[in-house]
Amino acid sequence: MPIIRKVTTVGAARGITLPKSWIECIERETGRKLEEVMLEVDQVLTVSPVLRRKKDAEHE
């Protein structure tokens, strides 16, 4: 089911917020902290979590 989110102004940009419960759900299911999302823009805007391997995150 689609969820409607408002587009807000963030400084000179525009953005959307994600519900805290969505982030917590992804973190709980994966055991990893969500720090980035990937945006795919076409006729549809798709927001996907970027879940780095723990080893990759340690090297940053």
Protein backbone atom coordinates (compact mmCIF):
# COMPACT_ATOMS: atom_id res chain seq x y z
CA MET A 1 0.00 0.00 0.00
CA PRO A 2 1.47 3.40 -0.95
CA ILE A 3 2.25 5.85 1.83
CA ILE A 4 2.10 9.57 1.05
CA ARG A 5 4.95 11.69 2.49
CA LYS A 6 5.24 15.48 2.23
CA VAL A 7 8.16 17.10 0.41
CA THR A 8 9.84 19.64 2.71
CA THR A 9 12.50 22.31 2.29
CA VAL A 10 15.88 21.43 3.82
CA GLY A 11 18.22 24.40 3.40
CA ALA A 12 18.51 25.01 -0.35
CA ALA A 13 17.26 21.48 -1.15
CA ARG A 14 14.01 19.58 -0.83
CA GLY A 15 13.59 16.27 0.91
CA ILE A 16 11.30 13.71 2.47
CA THR A 17 11.45 12.16 5.89
CA LEU A 18 11.19 8.47 6.62
CA PRO A 19 9.33 7.22 9.68
CA LYS A 20 11.64 6.19 12.51
CA SER A 21 9.82 2.85 12.71
CA TRP A 22 10.81 2.02 9.09
CA ILE A 23 14.49 2.64 9.87
CA GLU A 24 14.30 0.66 13.10
CA CYS A 25 12.61 -2.24 11.29
CA ILE A 26 15.37 -2.43 8.65
CA GLU A 27 18.07 -2.21 11.34
CA ARG A 28 16.38 -4.90 13.44
CA GLU A 29 15.97 -7.25 10.46
CA THR A 30 19.53 -6.80 9.18
CA GLY A 31 21.45 -6.22 12.41
CA ARG A 32 23.13 -3.20 10.77
CA LYS A 33 22.81 0.54 11.28
CA LEU A 34 21.22 2.30 8.31
CA GLU A 35 23.26 5.39 7.43
CA GLU A 36 22.61 5.80 3.70
CA VAL A 37 19.83 5.31 1.18
CA MET A 38 20.03 4.96 -2.59
CA LEU A 39 17.67 6.95 -4.80
CA GLU A 40 16.63 5.75 -8.24
CA VAL A 41 14.86 8.39 -10.30
CA ASP A 42 12.83 7.54 -13.38
CA GLN A 43 9.07 7.77 -13.76
CA VAL A 44 9.06 6.50 -10.16
CA LEU A 45 11.26 7.61 -7.26
CA THR A 46 12.59 4.54 -5.46
CA VAL A 47 14.32 4.79 -2.07
CA SER A 48 16.35 1.72 -1.06
CA PRO A 49 18.53 1.09 2.00
CA VAL A 50 22.28 0.88 1.45
CA LEU A 51 23.48 -1.86 3.78
CA ARG A 52 27.23 -2.12 3.78
CA ARG A 53 28.94 -5.24 4.95
CA LYS A 54 30.29 -4.82 8.47
CA LYS A 55 33.83 -5.28 7.16
CA ASP A 56 33.39 -2.41 4.64
CA ALA A 57 31.97 -0.11 7.32
CA GLU A 58 34.98 -0.71 9.60
CA HIS A 59 37.43 0.51 6.93
CA GLU A 60 35.77 3.92 6.55
